[in-house]
Amino acid sequence: MLSKILSMEKKKPISFEVAINLIAEEQNKAFATGQMGSNFGQYSWYPNNFVKFISNLGYHIELTGDEFETYMLTDKLIGTT
């Protein structure tokens, strides 16, 4: 996915977090209406077409580096403190 994000056509920039929220909204709508298939507009389509969906909305994802934080490796989360 990273290579797809980095090679996106430059359009209007949005953050990775905003992009995730946009796709989550669409997935929630599909789930609520029982559209669980893998065709456009159905629940399973969105994760498989994440970059395409965001690009078709007129955006590109601008990464800041915060998306790659190693927060899961912190002492508090792994219980070593």
C-alpha atoms as a PDB file:
ATOM      1  CA  MET A   1       0.000   0.000   0.000  1.00  0.00           C
ATOM      2  CA  LEU A   2       2.843   2.383   0.765  1.00  0.00           C
ATOM      3  CA  SER A   3       4.139   2.262  -2.793  1.00  0.00           C
ATOM      4  CA  LYS A   4       0.635   2.943  -4.106  1.00  0.00           C
ATOM      5  CA  ILE A   5       0.255   5.934  -1.801  1.00  0.00           C
ATOM      6  CA  LEU A   6       3.646   7.332  -2.762  1.00  0.00           C
ATOM      7  CA  SER A   7       2.869   6.993  -6.463  1.00  0.00           C
ATOM      8  CA  MET A   8      -0.541   8.666  -6.276  1.00  0.00           C
ATOM      9  CA  GLU A   9      -1.175  11.448  -8.760  1.00  0.00           C
ATOM     10  CA  LYS A  10      -0.829  14.762  -6.938  1.00  0.00           C
ATOM     11  CA  LYS A  11      -4.261  16.262  -6.375  1.00  0.00           C
ATOM     12  CA  LYS A  12      -5.658  17.910  -3.254  1.00  0.00           C
ATOM     13  CA  PRO A  13      -3.604  16.645  -0.280  1.00  0.00           C
ATOM     14  CA  ILE A  14      -5.192  14.950   2.723  1.00  0.00           C
ATOM     15  CA  SER A  15      -3.700  13.093   5.651  1.00  0.00           C
ATOM     16  CA  PHE A  16      -3.684   9.321   5.963  1.00  0.00           C
ATOM     17  CA  GLU A  17      -5.989   9.643   8.972  1.00  0.00           C
ATOM     18  CA  VAL A  18      -8.563  11.670   7.014  1.00  0.00           C
ATOM     19  CA  ALA A  19      -8.380   9.166   4.163  1.00  0.00           C
ATOM     20  CA  ILE A  20      -9.024   6.309   6.592  1.00  0.00           C
ATOM     21  CA  ASN A  21     -12.022   8.176   8.008  1.00  0.00           C
ATOM     22  CA  LEU A  22     -13.453   8.767   4.528  1.00  0.00           C
ATOM     23  CA  ILE A  23     -13.234   5.115   3.642  1.00  0.00           C
ATOM     24  CA  ALA A  24     -14.571   4.038   7.049  1.00  0.00           C
ATOM     25  CA  GLU A  25     -17.673   6.173   6.486  1.00  0.00           C
ATOM     26  CA  GLU A  26     -18.352   4.395   3.204  1.00  0.00           C
ATOM     27  CA  GLN A  27     -17.720   0.988   4.731  1.00  0.00           C
ATOM     28  CA  ASN A  28     -20.086   1.781   7.601  1.00  0.00           C
ATOM     29  CA  LYS A  29     -22.806   2.779   5.127  1.00  0.00           C
ATOM     30  CA  ALA A  30     -22.335  -0.460   3.208  1.00  0.00           C
ATOM     31  CA  PHE A  31     -22.385  -2.499   6.420  1.00  0.00           C
ATOM     32  CA  ALA A  32     -25.535  -0.782   7.664  1.00  0.00           C
ATOM     33  CA  THR A  33     -27.355  -1.679   4.463  1.00  0.00           C
ATOM     34  CA  GLY A  34     -26.024  -5.243   4.326  1.00  0.00           C
ATOM     35  CA  GLN A  35     -23.870  -4.637   1.248  1.00  0.00           C
ATOM     36  CA  MET A  36     -21.107  -7.082   2.171  1.00  0.00           C
ATOM     37  CA  GLY A  37     -19.784  -7.994  -1.289  1.00  0.00           C
ATOM     38  CA  SER A  38     -16.650  -6.948  -3.104  1.00  0.00           C
ATOM     39  CA  ASN A  39     -18.205  -4.838  -5.866  1.00  0.00           C
ATOM     40  CA  PHE A  40     -17.985  -1.043  -5.863  1.00  0.00           C
ATOM     41  CA  GLY A  41     -20.070   0.370  -3.024  1.00  0.00           C
ATOM     42  CA  GLN A  42     -19.987  -2.852  -1.047  1.00  0.00           C
ATOM     43  CA  TYR A  43     -18.173  -3.367   2.253  1.00  0.00           C
ATOM     44  CA  SER A  44     -15.260  -5.485   1.062  1.00  0.00           C
ATOM     45  CA  TRP A  45     -14.518  -3.301  -1.966  1.00  0.00           C
ATOM     46  CA  TYR A  46     -13.175  -0.371   0.036  1.00  0.00           C
ATOM     47  CA  PRO A  47     -10.073  -1.873   1.692  1.00  0.00           C
ATOM     48  CA  ASN A  48      -9.036  -3.493  -1.589  1.00  0.00           C
ATOM     49  CA  ASN A  49      -9.407  -0.196  -3.472  1.00  0.00           C
ATOM     50  CA  PHE A  50      -8.346   2.291  -0.804  1.00  0.00           C
ATOM     51  CA  VAL A  51      -5.922   4.356  -2.911  1.00  0.00           C
ATOM     52  CA  LYS A  52      -8.169   4.272  -5.982  1.00  0.00           C
ATOM     53  CA  PHE A  53     -11.173   5.451  -3.950  1.00  0.00           C
ATOM     54  CA  ILE A  54      -9.299   8.357  -2.390  1.00  0.00           C
ATOM     55  CA  SER A  55      -7.843   9.373  -5.752  1.00  0.00           C
ATOM     56  CA  ASN A  56     -11.262   9.254  -7.405  1.00  0.00           C
ATOM     57  CA  LEU A  57     -12.486  11.704  -4.753  1.00  0.00           C
ATOM     58  CA  GLY A  58      -9.864  14.161  -5.995  1.00  0.00           C
ATOM     59  CA  TYR A  59      -7.281  13.680  -3.239  1.00  0.00           C
ATOM     60  CA  HIS A  60      -3.832  12.298  -2.730  1.00  0.00           C
ATOM     61  CA  ILE A  61      -2.535  11.112   0.623  1.00  0.00           C
ATOM     62  CA  GLU A  62       0.276  13.214   1.989  1.00  0.00           C
ATOM     63  CA  LEU A  63       2.352  11.259   4.475  1.00  0.00           C
ATOM     64  CA  THR A  64       4.054  13.049   7.357  1.00  0.00           C
ATOM     65  CA  GLY A  65       5.923  10.168   8.965  1.00  0.00           C
ATOM     66  CA  ASP A  66       3.610  10.071  11.966  1.00  0.00           C
ATOM     67  CA  GLU A  67       1.814   7.172  10.290  1.00  0.00           C
ATOM     68  CA  PHE A  68       4.843   4.986  10.979  1.00  0.00           C
ATOM     69  CA  GLU A  69       5.345   5.588  14.683  1.00  0.00           C
ATOM     70  CA  THR A  70       6.353   2.517  16.631  1.00  0.00           C
ATOM     71  CA  TYR A  71       3.833   3.136  19.383  1.00  0.00           C
ATOM     72  CA  MET A  72       3.076  -0.590  19.624  1.00  0.00           C
ATOM     73  CA  LEU A  73       6.644  -1.143  20.810  1.00  0.00           C
ATOM     74  CA  THR A  74       6.537   1.298  23.702  1.00  0.00           C
ATOM     75  CA  ASP A  75       7.149  -0.063  27.172  1.00  0.00           C
ATOM     76  CA  LYS A  76       3.672   0.818  28.391  1.00  0.00           C
ATOM     77  CA  LEU A  77       1.944  -1.162  25.686  1.00  0.00           C
ATOM     78  CA  ILE A  78       4.066  -4.276  25.937  1.00  0.00           C
ATOM     79  CA  GLY A  79       3.916  -4.281  29.722  1.00  0.00           C
ATOM     80  CA  THR A  80       7.577  -3.981  30.605  1.00  0.00           C
ATOM     81  CA  THR A  81       7.266  -0.961  32.903  1.00  0.00           C
END
